[in-house]
């Protein structure tokens, strides 16, 4: 077994951990790992990621369901609508040039990172002590959101979890743990539909794909056990910045050489500008909260 394969399998554990703890992030990690570490082509990496994430999510659903974290009606309806969109996206993606697919994937990564960080702040603001309302999303909204998210997932192989979880938690009023568990049902259904679309035109190295899947399953079983034990804000912030860095890397790799410094500078400038606006104009800015917490802890006398 080569060192590259060992590294791919080790990184696959992180894919599973992300799915088990956050209910998303699997494809965001799988595609770059398969392209830049395993040497897959973009179409093959997207197709493989749909299989890996679909199987891993399906396995993880079992442990979440045992703990009562799955809303089956919402998940099955959302997933059924997403399957139609994902299959259409998979058919379309198989005929799009590799470079365009990777650019679209990188843009999806950047958008996902922003949604994660923004969703984390929004959730923090809403934590006013009232328990979230446990109800099902309206049928029309479930079908519409599912079809749109499914199309995106099937086309670029990414964006499912971090689009589904906010919809379930923020719009549907589901508790975060239930939103994560339910999102895994949706992700599994959409992933298999997108996989079916891609397999009409793409061939895979099934030996490596199955090995990556097995490693990811191990990671997601661990992640489902530790879900809720690690502060969610910390996880989302760290993963959000990591996804932003990965999206920038993929985008610069696909851009012409003379444009790469400009892309990096633009991302850095936007990040600094966003941090400055948050600090100066947003009362609930996490940067201010972190600063206050640090000052508060430093002002407290140490125990004798």
C-alpha atoms as a PDB file:
ATOM      1  CA  UNK A   1       0.000   0.000   0.000  1.00  0.00           C
ATOM      2  CA  UNK A   2       1.509   3.330  -1.077  1.00  0.00           C
ATOM      3  CA  UNK A   3       1.935   6.321   1.212  1.00  0.00           C
ATOM      4  CA  UNK A   4      -0.586   8.282  -0.882  1.00  0.00           C
ATOM      5  CA  UNK A   5      -3.262   5.633  -0.305  1.00  0.00           C
ATOM      6  CA  UNK A   6      -2.519   5.578   3.441  1.00  0.00           C
ATOM      7  CA  UNK A   7      -2.839   9.373   3.545  1.00  0.00           C
ATOM      8  CA  UNK A   8      -6.124   9.223   1.623  1.00  0.00           C
ATOM      9  CA  UNK A   9      -7.539   6.667   4.076  1.00  0.00           C
ATOM     10  CA  UNK A  10      -6.402   8.719   7.073  1.00  0.00           C
ATOM     11  CA  UNK A  11      -8.041  11.831   5.660  1.00  0.00           C
ATOM     12  CA  UNK A  12     -11.182   9.803   4.979  1.00  0.00           C
ATOM     13  CA  UNK A  13     -11.639   9.443   8.746  1.00  0.00           C
ATOM     14  CA  UNK A  14     -11.972  13.230   8.880  1.00  0.00           C
ATOM     15  CA  UNK A  15     -14.693  13.038   6.217  1.00  0.00           C
ATOM     16  CA  UNK A  16     -16.694  10.737   8.462  1.00  0.00           C
ATOM     17  CA  UNK A  17     -16.058  12.835  11.551  1.00  0.00           C
ATOM     18  CA  UNK A  18     -17.403  15.902   9.761  1.00  0.00           C
ATOM     19  CA  UNK A  19     -20.581  14.087   8.716  1.00  0.00           C
ATOM     20  CA  UNK A  20     -21.121  12.532  12.142  1.00  0.00           C
ATOM     21  CA  UNK A  21     -20.601  15.727  14.133  1.00  0.00           C
ATOM     22  CA  UNK A  22     -21.860  18.480  11.814  1.00  0.00           C
ATOM     23  CA  UNK A  23     -24.209  16.637   9.452  1.00  0.00           C
ATOM     24  CA  UNK A  24     -22.291  17.943   6.445  1.00  0.00           C
ATOM     25  CA  UNK A  25     -18.886  18.687   5.001  1.00  0.00           C
ATOM     26  CA  UNK A  26     -18.295  15.223   3.564  1.00  0.00           C
ATOM     27  CA  UNK A  27     -18.139  16.172  -0.103  1.00  0.00           C
ATOM     28  CA  UNK A  28     -16.367  19.431   0.665  1.00  0.00           C
ATOM     29  CA  UNK A  29     -13.488  17.304   1.963  1.00  0.00           C
ATOM     30  CA  UNK A  30     -13.810  14.246  -0.281  1.00  0.00           C
ATOM     31  CA  UNK A  31     -13.449  15.929  -3.675  1.00  0.00           C
ATOM     32  CA  UNK A  32     -10.184  17.800  -2.912  1.00  0.00           C
ATOM     33  CA  UNK A  33      -8.731  14.710  -1.225  1.00  0.00           C
ATOM     34  CA  UNK A  34      -9.474  12.497  -4.228  1.00  0.00           C
ATOM     35  CA  UNK A  35      -8.288  15.091  -6.773  1.00  0.00           C
ATOM     36  CA  UNK A  36      -5.111  16.386  -5.119  1.00  0.00           C
ATOM     37  CA  UNK A  37      -4.047  13.364  -3.024  1.00  0.00           C
ATOM     38  CA  UNK A  38      -5.467  10.286  -4.776  1.00  0.00           C
ATOM     39  CA  UNK A  39      -5.017  11.681  -8.297  1.00  0.00           C
ATOM     40  CA  UNK A  40      -8.635  11.279  -9.455  1.00  0.00           C
ATOM     41  CA  UNK A  41     -10.006  13.400 -12.282  1.00  0.00           C
ATOM     42  CA  UNK A  42     -12.647  15.973 -11.272  1.00  0.00           C
ATOM     43  CA  UNK A  43     -15.598  13.972 -12.626  1.00  0.00           C
ATOM     44  CA  UNK A  44     -14.329  10.764 -11.020  1.00  0.00           C
ATOM     45  CA  UNK A  45     -13.754  12.565  -7.704  1.00  0.00           C
ATOM     46  CA  UNK A  46     -17.249  14.066  -7.680  1.00  0.00           C
ATOM     47  CA  UNK A  47     -18.800  10.700  -8.584  1.00  0.00           C
ATOM     48  CA  UNK A  48     -16.789   8.878  -5.914  1.00  0.00           C
ATOM     49  CA  UNK A  49     -17.637  11.529  -3.325  1.00  0.00           C
ATOM     50  CA  UNK A  50     -21.341  10.983  -3.953  1.00  0.00           C
ATOM     51  CA  UNK A  51     -20.917   7.255  -3.251  1.00  0.00           C
ATOM     52  CA  UNK A  52     -18.691   7.762  -0.190  1.00  0.00           C
ATOM     53  CA  UNK A  53     -20.917  10.413   1.368  1.00  0.00           C
ATOM     54  CA  UNK A  54     -24.122   8.534   0.498  1.00  0.00           C
ATOM     55  CA  UNK A  55     -23.042   5.291   2.152  1.00  0.00           C
ATOM     56  CA  UNK A  56     -21.417   7.051   5.109  1.00  0.00           C
ATOM     57  CA  UNK A  57     -24.513   9.160   5.737  1.00  0.00           C
ATOM     58  CA  UNK A  58     -26.791   6.117   5.530  1.00  0.00           C
ATOM     59  CA  UNK A  59     -24.712   4.297   8.151  1.00  0.00           C
ATOM     60  CA  UNK A  60     -24.577   7.337  10.416  1.00  0.00           C
ATOM     61  CA  UNK A  61     -28.383   7.712  10.279  1.00  0.00           C
ATOM     62  CA  UNK A  62     -28.730   4.480  12.272  1.00  0.00           C
ATOM     63  CA  UNK A  63     -26.944   5.783  15.358  1.00  0.00           C
ATOM     64  CA  UNK A  64     -28.708   9.156  15.165  1.00  0.00           C
ATOM     65  CA  UNK A  65     -32.102   7.463  14.796  1.00  0.00           C
ATOM     66  CA  UNK A  66     -31.476   5.346  17.896  1.00  0.00           C
ATOM     67  CA  UNK A  67     -30.983   8.573  19.833  1.00  0.00           C
ATOM     68  CA  UNK A  68     -34.192  10.103  18.455  1.00  0.00           C
ATOM     69  CA  UNK A  69     -32.459  12.704  16.295  1.00  0.00           C
ATOM     70  CA  UNK A  70     -34.267  11.967  12.994  1.00  0.00           C
ATOM     71  CA  UNK A  71     -37.529  13.553  11.760  1.00  0.00           C
ATOM     72  CA  UNK A  72     -38.462  10.936   9.185  1.00  0.00           C
ATOM     73  CA  UNK A  73     -41.335  12.715   7.410  1.00  0.00           C
ATOM     74  CA  UNK A  74     -39.332  15.865   6.709  1.00  0.00           C
ATOM     75  CA  UNK A  75     -36.207  13.894   5.817  1.00  0.00           C
ATOM     76  CA  UNK A  76     -37.913  11.534   3.377  1.00  0.00           C
ATOM     77  CA  UNK A  77     -39.895  14.295   1.646  1.00  0.00           C
ATOM     78  CA  UNK A  78     -36.866  16.583   1.397  1.00  0.00           C
ATOM     79  CA  UNK A  79     -34.745  13.687   0.181  1.00  0.00           C
ATOM     80  CA  UNK A  80     -37.287  12.559  -2.417  1.00  0.00           C
ATOM     81  CA  UNK A  81     -37.425  16.038  -3.937  1.00  0.00           C
ATOM     82  CA  UNK A  82     -33.643  16.243  -3.758  1.00  0.00           C
ATOM     83  CA  UNK A  83     -33.214  12.950  -5.603  1.00  0.00           C
ATOM     84  CA  UNK A  84     -34.890  14.327  -8.724  1.00  0.00           C
ATOM     85  CA  UNK A  85     -32.685  17.402  -8.691  1.00  0.00           C
ATOM     86  CA  UNK A  86     -29.557  15.397  -7.893  1.00  0.00           C
ATOM     87  CA  UNK A  87     -30.125  12.914 -10.721  1.00  0.00           C
ATOM     88  CA  UNK A  88     -30.591  15.782 -13.187  1.00  0.00           C
ATOM     89  CA  UNK A  89     -27.454  17.454 -11.821  1.00  0.00           C
ATOM     90  CA  UNK A  90     -25.468  14.235 -12.173  1.00  0.00           C
ATOM     91  CA  UNK A  91     -26.565  13.789 -15.787  1.00  0.00           C
ATOM     92  CA  UNK A  92     -25.637  17.388 -16.584  1.00  0.00           C
ATOM     93  CA  UNK A  93     -22.335  17.306 -14.687  1.00  0.00           C
ATOM     94  CA  UNK A  94     -21.070  14.327 -16.675  1.00  0.00           C
ATOM     95  CA  UNK A  95     -20.969  16.514 -19.795  1.00  0.00           C
ATOM     96  CA  UNK A  96     -19.436  19.681 -18.315  1.00  0.00           C
ATOM     97  CA  UNK A  97     -15.654  20.314 -18.714  1.00  0.00           C
ATOM     98  CA  UNK A  98     -13.523  19.357 -15.717  1.00  0.00           C
ATOM     99  CA  UNK A  99     -12.168  22.854 -15.101  1.00  0.00           C
ATOM    100  CA  UNK A 100     -15.638  24.392 -14.978  1.00  0.00           C
ATOM    101  CA  UNK A 101     -16.772  21.707 -12.518  1.00  0.00           C
ATOM    102  CA  UNK A 102     -13.850  22.393 -10.189  1.00  0.00           C
ATOM    103  CA  UNK A 103     -14.386  26.141 -10.391  1.00  0.00           C
ATOM    104  CA  UNK A 104     -18.071  25.630  -9.534  1.00  0.00           C
ATOM    105  CA  UNK A 105     -17.027  23.333  -6.696  1.00  0.00           C
ATOM    106  CA  UNK A 106     -14.595  25.950  -5.339  1.00  0.00           C
ATOM    107  CA  UNK A 107     -17.280  28.644  -5.473  1.00  0.00           C
ATOM    108  CA  UNK A 108     -19.594  26.262  -3.606  1.00  0.00           C
ATOM    109  CA  UNK A 109     -16.918  25.783  -0.947  1.00  0.00           C
ATOM    110  CA  UNK A 110     -16.526  29.527  -0.442  1.00  0.00           C
ATOM    111  CA  UNK A 111     -20.313  29.997  -0.269  1.00  0.00           C
ATOM    112  CA  UNK A 112     -20.560  27.097   2.177  1.00  0.00           C
ATOM    113  CA  UNK A 113     -17.902  28.571   4.464  1.00  0.00           C
ATOM    114  CA  UNK A 114     -19.713  31.910   4.539  1.00  0.00           C
ATOM    115  CA  UNK A 115     -23.020  30.166   5.262  1.00  0.00           C
ATOM    116  CA  UNK A 116     -21.413  28.206   8.101  1.00  0.00           C
ATOM    117  CA  UNK A 117     -19.924  31.268   9.768  1.00  0.00           C
ATOM    118  CA  UNK A 118     -23.075  33.307   9.237  1.00  0.00           C
ATOM    119  CA  UNK A 119     -25.279  30.459  10.451  1.00  0.00           C
ATOM    120  CA  UNK A 120     -23.137  30.080  13.550  1.00  0.00           C
ATOM    121  CA  UNK A 121     -23.561  33.766  14.428  1.00  0.00           C
ATOM    122  CA  UNK A 122     -27.276  33.677  13.709  1.00  0.00           C
ATOM    123  CA  UNK A 123     -27.788  30.642  15.902  1.00  0.00           C
ATOM    124  CA  UNK A 124     -25.783  32.270  18.665  1.00  0.00           C
ATOM    125  CA  UNK A 125     -27.959  35.340  18.485  1.00  0.00           C
ATOM    126  CA  UNK A 126     -31.096  33.241  18.682  1.00  0.00           C
ATOM    127  CA  UNK A 127     -29.983  31.337  21.765  1.00  0.00           C
ATOM    128  CA  UNK A 128     -32.174  33.404  24.039  1.00  0.00           C
ATOM    129  CA  UNK A 129     -33.164  30.534  26.247  1.00  0.00           C
ATOM    130  CA  UNK A 130     -36.300  29.477  24.422  1.00  0.00           C
ATOM    131  CA  UNK A 131     -36.281  25.899  23.240  1.00  0.00           C
ATOM    132  CA  UNK A 132     -36.647  25.413  19.489  1.00  0.00           C
ATOM    133  CA  UNK A 133     -40.087  24.399  18.275  1.00  0.00           C
ATOM    134  CA  UNK A 134     -40.238  20.790  17.169  1.00  0.00           C
ATOM    135  CA  UNK A 135     -42.386  20.698  14.049  1.00  0.00           C
ATOM    136  CA  UNK A 136     -42.204  19.577  10.459  1.00  0.00           C
ATOM    137  CA  UNK A 137     -41.493  21.925   7.560  1.00  0.00           C
ATOM    138  CA  UNK A 138     -44.433  22.735   5.248  1.00  0.00           C
ATOM    139  CA  UNK A 139     -44.721  20.316   2.335  1.00  0.00           C
ATOM    140  CA  UNK A 140     -44.259  22.929  -0.400  1.00  0.00           C
ATOM    141  CA  UNK A 141     -41.145  24.390   1.214  1.00  0.00           C
ATOM    142  CA  UNK A 142     -39.676  20.926   1.758  1.00  0.00           C
ATOM    143  CA  UNK A 143     -40.122  19.972  -1.901  1.00  0.00           C
ATOM    144  CA  UNK A 144     -38.798  23.268  -3.270  1.00  0.00           C
ATOM    145  CA  UNK A 145     -35.723  23.409  -1.035  1.00  0.00           C
ATOM    146  CA  UNK A 146     -35.037  19.719  -1.618  1.00  0.00           C
ATOM    147  CA  UNK A 147     -35.099  20.036  -5.407  1.00  0.00           C
ATOM    148  CA  UNK A 148     -32.791  23.087  -5.441  1.00  0.00           C
ATOM    149  CA  UNK A 149     -30.288  21.601  -3.004  1.00  0.00           C
ATOM    150  CA  UNK A 150     -30.422  18.282  -4.857  1.00  0.00           C
ATOM    151  CA  UNK A 151     -29.584  19.942  -8.176  1.00  0.00           C
ATOM    152  CA  UNK A 152     -26.551  21.676  -6.661  1.00  0.00           C
ATOM    153  CA  UNK A 153     -25.400  18.503  -4.923  1.00  0.00           C
ATOM    154  CA  UNK A 154     -25.761  16.359  -8.022  1.00  0.00           C
ATOM    155  CA  UNK A 155     -23.965  18.866 -10.237  1.00  0.00           C
ATOM    156  CA  UNK A 156     -20.850  19.656  -8.176  1.00  0.00           C
ATOM    157  CA  UNK A 157     -21.056  16.902  -5.545  1.00  0.00           C
ATOM    158  CA  UNK A 158     -21.080  19.354  -2.652  1.00  0.00           C
ATOM    159  CA  UNK A 159     -23.224  21.660  -0.599  1.00  0.00           C
ATOM    160  CA  UNK A 160     -25.811  19.191   0.650  1.00  0.00           C
ATOM    161  CA  UNK A 161     -25.295  19.120   4.406  1.00  0.00           C
ATOM    162  CA  UNK A 162     -24.546  22.761   4.989  1.00  0.00           C
ATOM    163  CA  UNK A 163     -27.585  23.800   2.962  1.00  0.00           C
ATOM    164  CA  UNK A 164     -29.951  21.225   4.475  1.00  0.00           C
ATOM    165  CA  UNK A 165     -28.998  21.664   8.153  1.00  0.00           C
ATOM    166  CA  UNK A 166     -29.709  25.441   8.264  1.00  0.00           C
ATOM    167  CA  UNK A 167     -33.015  24.884   6.442  1.00  0.00           C
ATOM    168  CA  UNK A 168     -34.087  22.300   9.001  1.00  0.00           C
ATOM    169  CA  UNK A 169     -32.774  24.140  12.070  1.00  0.00           C
ATOM    170  CA  UNK A 170     -33.479  27.783  11.244  1.00  0.00           C
ATOM    171  CA  UNK A 171     -36.571  27.551   9.021  1.00  0.00           C
ATOM    172  CA  UNK A 172     -38.130  24.375  10.377  1.00  0.00           C
ATOM    173  CA  UNK A 173     -37.409  25.032  14.032  1.00  0.00           C
ATOM    174  CA  UNK A 174     -35.840  21.603  14.559  1.00  0.00           C
ATOM    175  CA  UNK A 175     -33.326  21.263  17.380  1.00  0.00           C
ATOM    176  CA  UNK A 176     -29.775  21.249  16.053  1.00  0.00           C
ATOM    177  CA  UNK A 177     -29.227  17.584  16.920  1.00  0.00           C
ATOM    178  CA  UNK A 178     -32.419  16.602  15.064  1.00  0.00           C
ATOM    179  CA  UNK A 179     -31.462  18.789  12.094  1.00  0.00           C
ATOM    180  CA  UNK A 180     -28.099  17.028  11.852  1.00  0.00           C
ATOM    181  CA  UNK A 181     -29.639  13.550  12.073  1.00  0.00           C
ATOM    182  CA  UNK A 182     -32.405  14.359   9.581  1.00  0.00           C
ATOM    183  CA  UNK A 183     -29.951  15.948   7.146  1.00  0.00           C
ATOM    184  CA  UNK A 184     -28.090  12.647   6.893  1.00  0.00           C
ATOM    185  CA  UNK A 185     -31.252  10.971   5.537  1.00  0.00           C
ATOM    186  CA  UNK A 186     -31.518  13.701   2.899  1.00  0.00           C
ATOM    187  CA  UNK A 187     -27.815  13.564   2.016  1.00  0.00           C
ATOM    188  CA  UNK A 188     -27.883   9.788   1.540  1.00  0.00           C
ATOM    189  CA  UNK A 189     -30.892   9.909  -0.781  1.00  0.00           C
ATOM    190  CA  UNK A 190     -29.563  12.805  -2.861  1.00  0.00           C
ATOM    191  CA  UNK A 191     -26.082  11.356  -3.098  1.00  0.00           C
ATOM    192  CA  UNK A 192     -27.271   8.044  -4.538  1.00  0.00           C
ATOM    193  CA  UNK A 193     -29.472   9.843  -7.070  1.00  0.00           C
ATOM    194  CA  UNK A 194     -26.582  12.057  -8.177  1.00  0.00           C
ATOM    195  CA  UNK A 195     -24.317   9.002  -8.333  1.00  0.00           C
ATOM    196  CA  UNK A 196     -26.762   7.275 -10.677  1.00  0.00           C
ATOM    197  CA  UNK A 197     -26.669  10.291 -12.974  1.00  0.00           C
ATOM    198  CA  UNK A 198     -22.864  10.425 -13.099  1.00  0.00           C
ATOM    199  CA  UNK A 199     -22.406   6.676 -13.576  1.00  0.00           C
ATOM    200  CA  UNK A 200     -24.038   6.959 -16.999  1.00  0.00           C
ATOM    201  CA  UNK A 201     -20.790   8.557 -18.235  1.00  0.00           C
ATOM    202  CA  UNK A 202     -18.071   8.043 -15.561  1.00  0.00           C
ATOM    203  CA  UNK A 203     -16.037   4.966 -14.500  1.00  0.00           C
ATOM    204  CA  UNK A 204     -14.579   4.556 -10.999  1.00  0.00           C
ATOM    205  CA  UNK A 205     -11.708   2.708  -9.301  1.00  0.00           C
ATOM    206  CA  UNK A 206     -14.067   0.823  -7.014  1.00  0.00           C
ATOM    207  CA  UNK A 207     -11.333  -0.748  -4.915  1.00  0.00           C
ATOM    208  CA  UNK A 208     -10.051   2.609  -3.681  1.00  0.00           C
ATOM    209  CA  UNK A 209     -13.546   4.074  -3.460  1.00  0.00           C
ATOM    210  CA  UNK A 210     -14.700   1.234  -1.188  1.00  0.00           C
ATOM    211  CA  UNK A 211     -11.597   1.602   0.997  1.00  0.00           C
ATOM    212  CA  UNK A 212     -12.221   5.334   1.383  1.00  0.00           C
ATOM    213  CA  UNK A 213     -15.861   4.596   2.191  1.00  0.00           C
ATOM    214  CA  UNK A 214     -14.923   2.109   4.909  1.00  0.00           C
ATOM    215  CA  UNK A 215     -12.552   4.620   6.529  1.00  0.00           C
ATOM    216  CA  UNK A 216     -15.186   7.359   6.371  1.00  0.00           C
ATOM    217  CA  UNK A 217     -17.759   5.067   7.997  1.00  0.00           C
ATOM    218  CA  UNK A 218     -15.369   4.533  10.894  1.00  0.00           C
ATOM    219  CA  UNK A 219     -15.026   8.296  11.251  1.00  0.00           C
ATOM    220  CA  UNK A 220     -18.745   8.970  11.177  1.00  0.00           C
ATOM    221  CA  UNK A 221     -19.447   6.356  13.866  1.00  0.00           C
ATOM    222  CA  UNK A 222     -16.952   8.144  16.096  1.00  0.00           C
ATOM    223  CA  UNK A 223     -18.427  11.518  15.153  1.00  0.00           C
ATOM    224  CA  UNK A 224     -21.999  10.495  15.962  1.00  0.00           C
ATOM    225  CA  UNK A 225     -20.866   9.449  19.451  1.00  0.00           C
ATOM    226  CA  UNK A 226     -19.089  12.715  20.231  1.00  0.00           C
ATOM    227  CA  UNK A 227     -21.752  14.940  18.625  1.00  0.00           C
ATOM    228  CA  UNK A 228     -22.895  17.408  21.254  1.00  0.00           C
ATOM    229  CA  UNK A 229     -19.821  16.986  23.455  1.00  0.00           C
ATOM    230  CA  UNK A 230     -17.704  19.504  21.548  1.00  0.00           C
ATOM    231  CA  UNK A 231     -18.971  23.118  21.501  1.00  0.00           C
ATOM    232  CA  UNK A 232     -20.814  23.575  18.212  1.00  0.00           C
ATOM    233  CA  UNK A 233     -19.665  27.196  17.790  1.00  0.00           C
ATOM    234  CA  UNK A 234     -16.025  26.160  17.985  1.00  0.00           C
ATOM    235  CA  UNK A 235     -16.505  23.377  15.441  1.00  0.00           C
ATOM    236  CA  UNK A 236     -18.374  25.525  12.960  1.00  0.00           C
ATOM    237  CA  UNK A 237     -15.953  28.436  13.173  1.00  0.00           C
ATOM    238  CA  UNK A 238     -12.874  26.254  12.703  1.00  0.00           C
ATOM    239  CA  UNK A 239     -14.434  24.229   9.895  1.00  0.00           C
ATOM    240  CA  UNK A 240     -15.799  27.344   8.207  1.00  0.00           C
ATOM    241  CA  UNK A 241     -12.366  28.956   7.964  1.00  0.00           C
ATOM    242  CA  UNK A 242     -10.848  25.665   6.839  1.00  0.00           C
ATOM    243  CA  UNK A 243     -13.401  25.299   4.043  1.00  0.00           C
ATOM    244  CA  UNK A 244     -12.767  28.905   2.982  1.00  0.00           C
ATOM    245  CA  UNK A 245      -9.036  28.189   2.746  1.00  0.00           C
ATOM    246  CA  UNK A 246      -9.649  24.976   0.781  1.00  0.00           C
ATOM    247  CA  UNK A 247     -12.045  26.727  -1.601  1.00  0.00           C
ATOM    248  CA  UNK A 248      -9.491  29.464  -2.219  1.00  0.00           C
ATOM    249  CA  UNK A 249      -6.818  26.837  -2.907  1.00  0.00           C
ATOM    250  CA  UNK A 250      -8.965  24.952  -5.430  1.00  0.00           C
ATOM    251  CA  UNK A 251     -10.037  28.184  -7.113  1.00  0.00           C
ATOM    252  CA  UNK A 252      -6.462  29.408  -7.496  1.00  0.00           C
ATOM    253  CA  UNK A 253      -5.341  26.025  -8.838  1.00  0.00           C
ATOM    254  CA  UNK A 254      -7.908  26.260 -11.649  1.00  0.00           C
ATOM    255  CA  UNK A 255      -7.299  29.926 -12.456  1.00  0.00           C
ATOM    256  CA  UNK A 256      -4.668  31.146 -14.958  1.00  0.00           C
ATOM    257  CA  UNK A 257      -1.288  31.752 -13.344  1.00  0.00           C
ATOM    258  CA  UNK A 258      -1.429  35.524 -13.689  1.00  0.00           C
ATOM    259  CA  UNK A 259      -4.786  35.687 -11.867  1.00  0.00           C
ATOM    260  CA  UNK A 260      -3.827  33.586  -8.838  1.00  0.00           C
ATOM    261  CA  UNK A 261      -2.252  36.406  -6.744  1.00  0.00           C
ATOM    262  CA  UNK A 262      -5.292  38.598  -7.443  1.00  0.00           C
ATOM    263  CA  UNK A 263      -7.702  35.867  -6.295  1.00  0.00           C
ATOM    264  CA  UNK A 264      -5.793  35.281  -3.065  1.00  0.00           C
ATOM    265  CA  UNK A 265      -5.591  39.030  -2.418  1.00  0.00           C
ATOM    266  CA  UNK A 266      -9.318  39.425  -3.058  1.00  0.00           C
ATOM    267  CA  UNK A 267     -10.236  36.637  -0.624  1.00  0.00           C
ATOM    268  CA  UNK A 268      -7.921  38.059   2.051  1.00  0.00           C
ATOM    269  CA  UNK A 269      -9.309  41.573   1.514  1.00  0.00           C
ATOM    270  CA  UNK A 270     -12.921  40.368   1.726  1.00  0.00           C
ATOM    271  CA  UNK A 271     -12.136  38.405   4.879  1.00  0.00           C
ATOM    272  CA  UNK A 272     -10.481  41.383   6.577  1.00  0.00           C
ATOM    273  CA  UNK A 273     -13.274  43.704   5.449  1.00  0.00           C
ATOM    274  CA  UNK A 274     -15.898  41.325   6.792  1.00  0.00           C
ATOM    275  CA  UNK A 275     -14.087  41.048  10.121  1.00  0.00           C
ATOM    276  CA  UNK A 276     -13.802  44.850  10.335  1.00  0.00           C
ATOM    277  CA  UNK A 277     -17.488  45.421   9.562  1.00  0.00           C
ATOM    278  CA  UNK A 278     -18.446  42.765  12.093  1.00  0.00           C
ATOM    279  CA  UNK A 279     -16.264  44.343  14.779  1.00  0.00           C
ATOM    280  CA  UNK A 280     -17.384  47.946  14.160  1.00  0.00           C
ATOM    281  CA  UNK A 281     -21.072  47.634  13.327  1.00  0.00           C
ATOM    282  CA  UNK A 282     -22.446  44.307  14.601  1.00  0.00           C
ATOM    283  CA  UNK A 283     -23.243  44.248  18.317  1.00  0.00           C
ATOM    284  CA  UNK A 284     -23.398  40.436  18.436  1.00  0.00           C
ATOM    285  CA  UNK A 285     -20.143  39.998  16.499  1.00  0.00           C
ATOM    286  CA  UNK A 286     -18.320  36.846  17.697  1.00  0.00           C
ATOM    287  CA  UNK A 287     -15.014  38.759  17.599  1.00  0.00           C
ATOM    288  CA  UNK A 288     -16.327  41.109  20.272  1.00  0.00           C
ATOM    289  CA  UNK A 289     -17.649  38.189  22.312  1.00  0.00           C
ATOM    290  CA  UNK A 290     -14.271  36.458  22.199  1.00  0.00           C
ATOM    291  CA  UNK A 291     -12.532  39.673  23.261  1.00  0.00           C
ATOM    292  CA  UNK A 292     -14.933  40.228  26.157  1.00  0.00           C
ATOM    293  CA  UNK A 293     -14.534  36.631  27.320  1.00  0.00           C
ATOM    294  CA  UNK A 294     -10.751  36.919  27.261  1.00  0.00           C
ATOM    295  CA  UNK A 295     -10.784  40.202  29.200  1.00  0.00           C
ATOM    296  CA  UNK A 296     -13.249  38.751  31.691  1.00  0.00           C
ATOM    297  CA  UNK A 297     -11.127  35.645  32.263  1.00  0.00           C
ATOM    298  CA  UNK A 298      -7.930  37.664  32.606  1.00  0.00           C
ATOM    299  CA  UNK A 299      -9.542  40.041  35.149  1.00  0.00           C
ATOM    300  CA  UNK A 300     -10.671  37.207  37.407  1.00  0.00           C
ATOM    301  CA  UNK A 301      -8.267  36.501  40.284  1.00  0.00           C
ATOM    302  CA  UNK A 302      -6.525  33.157  40.133  1.00  0.00           C
ATOM    303  CA  UNK A 303      -7.451  30.663  42.864  1.00  0.00           C
ATOM    304  CA  UNK A 304      -5.138  30.509  45.819  1.00  0.00           C
END
